[in-house]
Protein backbone atom coordinates (compact mmCIF):
# COMPACT_ATOMS: atom_id res chain seq x y z
CA MET A 1 -23.63 6.49 -6.11
CA THR A 2 -20.42 6.99 -7.61
CA THR A 3 -17.95 4.03 -8.06
CA LEU A 4 -13.92 3.33 -9.16
CA GLU A 5 -13.05 1.28 -12.43
CA VAL A 6 -10.16 -0.64 -11.09
CA HIS A 7 -7.64 -2.16 -12.23
CA ALA A 8 -4.73 -5.19 -10.72
CA LEU A 9 -1.75 -4.72 -12.16
CA GLU A 10 1.99 -7.17 -11.44
CA ALA A 11 4.44 -4.22 -10.38
CA GLY A 12 7.89 -6.42 -10.08
CA ARG A 13 8.79 -8.38 -8.03
CA ALA A 14 11.32 -8.33 -4.68
CA PHE A 15 12.58 -10.48 -2.45
CA LEU A 16 11.15 -10.69 1.63
CA PRO A 17 13.14 -12.66 3.78
CA ASN A 18 11.63 -14.93 6.45
CA LYS A 19 13.08 -14.20 9.24
CA LEU A 20 11.90 -10.75 9.10
CA LEU A 21 7.66 -12.38 7.84
CA PHE A 22 7.56 -15.32 11.13
CA ASN A 23 8.71 -15.23 14.48
CA ASP A 24 9.46 -19.33 13.78
CA THR A 25 11.75 -19.49 11.36
CA ASN A 26 14.31 -22.47 11.92
CA PRO A 27 17.92 -20.15 12.76
CA ALA A 28 19.22 -22.54 10.17
CA ASN A 29 16.52 -21.12 7.29
CA ALA A 30 17.35 -17.83 8.86
CA ASP A 31 18.98 -16.44 5.68
CA THR A 32 16.07 -18.07 3.20
CA ALA A 33 14.20 -15.23 1.73
CA ASP A 34 10.88 -16.18 -1.32
CA GLU A 35 10.41 -14.28 -3.59
CA PHE A 36 7.64 -12.41 -3.55
CA LEU A 37 5.31 -10.35 -6.84
CA ALA A 38 4.55 -6.49 -5.92
CA TYR A 39 0.62 -5.17 -7.07
CA PHE A 40 -0.12 -1.77 -7.62
CA PHE A 41 -3.38 -0.68 -8.44
CA HIS A 42 -4.73 1.84 -11.87
CA LEU A 43 -7.93 3.41 -11.17
CA HIS A 44 -10.41 5.38 -13.24
CA HIS A 45 -13.11 8.07 -12.09
CA PRO A 46 -14.83 7.75 -14.11
CA GLY A 47 -17.17 10.98 -12.79
CA LYS A 48 -14.21 13.66 -12.25
CA ASN A 49 -12.86 11.20 -15.92
CA LEU A 50 -9.24 11.20 -13.68
CA HIS A 51 -7.26 8.31 -14.29
CA ILE A 52 -5.44 7.64 -10.20
CA LEU A 53 -2.76 5.44 -9.05
CA TRP A 54 -2.43 3.29 -5.26
CA ASP A 55 1.21 3.32 -5.59
CA ALA A 56 4.25 2.38 -8.58
CA GLY A 57 5.07 -0.43 -8.07
CA ILE A 58 9.10 -0.70 -8.95
CA ARG A 59 11.18 1.52 -10.88
CA LYS A 60 12.75 -0.31 -13.69
CA ASP A 61 16.31 1.89 -13.60
CA ILE A 62 17.52 0.56 -10.02
CA SER A 63 20.53 2.83 -10.75
CA ALA A 64 18.84 5.64 -9.54
CA ARG A 65 18.16 4.36 -6.40
CA PRO A 66 20.26 5.31 -3.00
CA PRO A 67 23.68 3.52 -2.69
CA PRO A 68 22.50 2.46 1.07
CA GLN A 69 18.77 1.05 -0.21
CA CYS A 70 18.64 -2.67 0.01
CA LYS A 71 19.69 -5.00 -3.08
CA PRO A 72 17.91 -5.09 -6.22
CA PRO A 73 14.31 -6.81 -6.81
CA SER A 74 14.86 -10.12 -8.76
CA LYS A 75 12.54 -8.68 -11.64
CA PRO A 76 12.14 -4.63 -11.86
CA SER A 77 9.06 -3.05 -13.30
CA CYS A 78 8.48 0.01 -15.26
CA ALA A 79 5.07 1.23 -13.72
CA HIS A 80 2.92 0.43 -16.68
CA THR A 81 -0.55 1.54 -16.75
CA ASN A 82 -3.19 -0.10 -17.91
CA GLY A 83 -2.77 1.33 -21.23
CA VAL A 84 -3.61 4.82 -19.94
CA ALA A 85 -0.34 7.31 -20.71
CA PRO A 86 2.22 7.90 -18.11
CA GLU A 87 0.70 11.51 -18.51
CA SER A 88 -2.35 11.07 -18.51
CA ILE A 89 -2.50 10.07 -14.75
CA ASP A 90 -4.00 12.69 -12.25
CA TYR A 91 -2.80 11.46 -8.73
CA ILE A 92 -0.16 9.29 -7.52
CA PHE A 93 -1.82 7.87 -3.82
CA TYR A 94 1.15 5.66 -2.24
CA SER A 95 0.53 4.03 0.98
CA HIS A 96 4.05 4.46 1.91
CA ALA A 97 8.00 5.65 -0.06
CA HIS A 98 9.24 2.16 0.32
CA PHE A 99 10.89 1.70 -3.02
CA ASP A 100 8.87 -1.70 -4.74
CA HIS A 101 5.90 0.84 -3.94
CA THR A 102 7.37 4.50 -5.18
CA GLY A 103 8.31 3.60 -8.43
CA ASP A 104 9.92 7.05 -10.29
CA PRO A 105 7.37 10.06 -10.16
CA GLU A 106 9.14 11.32 -13.10
CA LYS A 107 7.31 9.57 -15.64
CA PHE A 108 4.00 11.06 -14.07
CA PRO A 109 4.59 14.91 -15.00
CA LYS A 110 1.52 15.92 -13.98
CA ALA A 111 0.31 14.18 -11.66
CA LYS A 112 0.07 15.42 -7.95
CA ILE A 113 1.57 12.76 -5.12
CA VAL A 114 0.19 11.88 -2.04
CA TYR A 115 1.65 10.69 0.93
CA GLY A 116 -0.03 9.85 3.63
CA ALA A 117 -0.17 11.92 7.31
CA GLY A 118 4.48 11.91 8.94
CA THR A 119 6.03 10.49 5.94
CA GLN A 120 8.00 13.35 5.09
CA ALA A 121 9.49 13.40 8.68
CA HIS A 122 9.97 9.82 8.90
CA VAL A 123 11.94 10.25 5.29
CA ARG A 124 13.16 13.72 4.87
CA PRO A 125 16.18 14.63 4.21
CA ALA A 126 16.32 11.43 1.98
CA TRP A 127 19.70 10.78 -0.93
CA PRO A 128 21.27 13.09 -1.99
CA ILE A 129 20.90 15.44 0.58
CA ASN A 130 21.56 12.74 3.38
CA PRO A 131 23.75 10.26 2.04
CA GLU A 132 22.67 7.70 4.36
CA SER A 133 18.65 7.31 3.87
CA ARG A 134 17.38 4.40 1.70
CA TYR A 135 14.98 7.44 0.80
CA LEU A 136 14.98 9.83 -2.79
CA GLU A 137 14.39 13.16 -2.87
CA SER A 138 12.99 12.89 -5.99
CA LEU A 139 9.68 11.01 -4.81
CA PHE A 140 8.18 14.34 -3.61
CA PRO A 141 8.63 16.69 -6.26
CA GLU A 142 8.51 20.11 -6.38
CA GLY A 143 4.96 21.81 -6.37
CA ARG A 144 3.26 18.61 -7.24
CA THR A 145 3.64 16.56 -3.28
CA GLN A 146 1.05 17.04 -1.67
CA GLU A 147 0.76 15.50 2.03
CA LEU A 148 -2.29 14.66 4.51
CA GLY A 149 -2.23 16.46 8.03
CA ALA A 150 -4.95 15.99 10.81
CA GLY A 151 -7.74 18.17 9.00
CA ASP A 152 -8.41 16.35 6.18
CA PHE A 153 -9.30 13.33 7.92
CA LYS A 154 -12.90 13.85 8.89
CA PRO A 155 -15.47 11.24 11.28
CA ILE A 156 -17.71 9.17 8.91
CA GLY A 157 -20.41 6.65 9.98
CA GLY A 158 -20.20 3.17 8.85
CA PHE A 159 -17.33 2.04 8.30
CA ALA A 160 -16.21 1.70 11.98
CA PRO A 161 -13.31 0.53 13.78
CA TRP A 162 -12.53 3.56 12.06
CA ASP A 163 -14.11 6.37 13.56
CA SER A 164 -12.09 9.08 10.52
CA ALA A 165 -11.00 9.38 6.96
CA CYS A 166 -9.60 11.83 4.28
CA ASP A 167 -12.95 11.54 1.53
CA PHE A 168 -10.72 12.92 -0.94
CA PHE A 169 -12.96 13.53 -3.60
CA GLY A 170 -15.85 14.49 -1.04
CA ASP A 171 -17.87 11.71 -2.85
CA GLY A 172 -17.78 8.53 -0.95
CA SER A 173 -15.30 7.04 -3.55
CA LEU A 174 -12.10 6.97 -2.36
CA LEU A 175 -11.34 7.32 1.17
CA LEU A 176 -8.10 7.37 2.83
CA ILE A 177 -7.46 6.21 6.18
CA ASP A 178 -4.11 6.62 8.26
CA ALA A 179 -2.74 2.87 9.49
CA PRO A 180 0.31 3.52 10.94
CA GLY A 181 2.51 0.67 11.57
CA HIS A 182 4.49 -0.56 8.79
CA VAL A 183 5.75 2.65 9.23
CA PRO A 184 4.95 6.59 9.85
CA GLY A 185 2.60 7.58 6.96
CA HIS A 186 1.51 4.28 5.91
CA THR A 187 -2.23 4.79 5.10
CA ILE A 188 -5.12 2.26 3.76
CA ALA A 189 -7.30 3.18 1.56
CA LEU A 190 -11.80 2.22 0.08
CA ALA A 191 -12.32 2.20 -3.51
CA ARG A 192 -16.14 2.23 -3.25
CA VAL A 193 -16.65 -0.38 -6.78
CA GLU A 194 -20.08 -2.42 -8.24
CA GLY A 195 -20.89 -4.92 -5.41
CA GLY A 196 -19.09 -3.31 -2.81
CA TYR A 197 -15.30 -1.93 -1.85
CA LEU A 198 -12.12 -2.80 -1.75
CA LEU A 199 -9.99 -2.10 0.86
CA PHE A 200 -5.39 -0.77 -0.36
CA GLY A 201 -3.88 -2.64 2.48
CA GLY A 202 0.20 -1.49 1.47
CA ASP A 203 1.70 -2.81 3.45
CA SER A 204 0.15 -3.72 6.33
CA CYS A 205 1.18 -7.77 6.45
CA HIS A 206 2.86 -9.29 4.07
CA CYS A 207 1.72 -12.86 3.44
CA GLU A 208 -1.70 -14.35 4.37
CA ALA A 209 -0.90 -16.00 7.14
CA HIS A 210 -0.91 -12.85 8.61
CA LEU A 211 -4.19 -11.96 7.92
CA LYS A 212 -5.32 -15.22 9.63
CA GLU A 213 -3.53 -15.16 12.39
CA TYR A 214 -1.94 -11.71 14.42
CA VAL A 215 -2.59 -11.98 18.01
CA PRO A 216 0.29 -11.09 20.80
CA GLY A 217 2.30 -14.69 20.46
CA GLY A 218 1.52 -15.71 17.26
CA ARG A 219 3.37 -15.86 14.28
CA MET A 220 3.39 -13.12 13.04
CA GLY A 221 7.23 -11.53 12.56
CA PHE A 222 7.66 -7.72 13.00
CA GLY A 223 11.19 -7.49 11.38
CA MET A 224 9.03 -5.24 8.59
CA HIS A 225 7.00 -2.98 11.19
CA LYS A 226 7.82 -0.44 12.99
CA ASP A 227 5.56 -0.28 15.67
CA ALA A 228 4.38 -4.17 15.80
CA ASP A 229 2.00 -3.00 18.35
CA SER A 230 0.51 -0.37 15.80
CA ALA A 231 0.58 -3.34 13.30
CA ARG A 232 -1.46 -5.48 14.88
CA GLU A 233 -3.81 -3.14 15.49
CA ASN A 234 -4.14 -2.16 12.29
CA ILE A 235 -4.91 -5.66 10.74
CA SER A 236 -7.44 -6.58 13.37
CA LYS A 237 -9.20 -3.96 12.27
CA ILE A 238 -8.68 -4.31 8.67
CA VAL A 239 -10.20 -8.05 9.63
CA GLY A 240 -12.76 -7.17 11.92
CA PHE A 241 -14.05 -4.85 8.79
CA ALA A 242 -13.58 -7.02 6.13
CA LYS A 243 -15.71 -9.40 8.57
CA ALA A 244 -18.38 -8.07 9.42
CA ARG A 245 -18.60 -6.62 6.02
CA GLY A 246 -19.10 -9.38 3.60
CA ASP A 247 -18.88 -7.44 0.79
CA VAL A 248 -14.56 -6.05 0.86
CA ARG A 249 -12.17 -7.53 -1.13
CA ILE A 250 -8.91 -6.71 0.90
CA CYS A 251 -5.82 -6.35 -1.88
CA LEU A 252 -2.69 -6.13 -0.57
CA ALA A 253 0.83 -5.31 -1.96
CA HIS A 254 1.78 -8.61 -2.15
CA VAL A 255 -0.28 -11.32 -1.80
CA GLY A 256 -3.25 -12.81 -2.91
CA THR A 257 -3.93 -12.99 -6.96
CA TYR A 258 -5.83 -10.55 -8.70
CA LYS A 259 -6.75 -12.12 -11.86
CA ASP A 260 -10.41 -12.72 -11.23
CA TRP A 261 -11.52 -10.32 -9.39
CA GLU A 262 -13.62 -12.40 -6.83
CA ARG A 263 -14.57 -10.62 -3.85
CA VAL A 264 -12.59 -11.56 -0.34
CA ILE A 265 -14.80 -13.50 1.43
CA VAL A 266 -14.42 -13.68 5.57
CA LYS A 267 -16.20 -15.44 7.69
CA GLU A 268 -15.35 -16.14 11.21
CA GLY A 269 -12.82 -18.51 12.06
CA GLU A 270 -11.96 -19.29 8.41
CA GLY A 271 -9.44 -16.63 8.27
CA VAL A 272 -9.52 -14.48 4.56
CA LYS A 273 -10.14 -16.35 1.38
CA PHE A 274 -9.16 -14.77 -2.07
């Protein structure tokens, strides 16, 4: 059984407005924003000797971002890769195409770039072709960009509530799962590691409270998501999966700490523990 070696890396910091995260934000504090860490993950496939990134952080050269994009992050970061030379990265799997996840693909000249189904229809044409776009055409380097399609997702067993996934390497080590809601093309993944699974959730949600309360009428705001119902369904599936198995750690881009790599344990009525 193939398992992956995984390391978490800090990718910089950004501000997220509270009014987008919670629907009960006091109007007097509507413009307040909290600084959030942004994480990405280095994966090593020992059997194939592949170096992989799940997301790539916030690019250091913010001047290269399109003018319509939101204000600069507080602490941009060039995506360091756990001591591995950038030219040695074989794949970058992007949860989605937002600036705090994509880094700078040009820093990884040999990496194949993989996006979820529907990403390019949502994003392209991007800047500078479309001067109003918040995305960059350079996120899709010619000749090494792959977008998953319907034919890449096959039935899987033992991973309810999901009934299909893309077994990218064909050995069960990395399962890519379509998880719309945040934006079209948003993808999550299950990485098999020693002792269980890591669930890379991207921007399925943006704070721990959202994992504990995702029901209609709750505090969770959907200002960060394109489709509130799909986002809620996605979170429900993630939490339900973790509760049912007990051998899953939920790894989100802006939630949790990743120094000790304790397994996430989810029990009925207790929410998620980091």
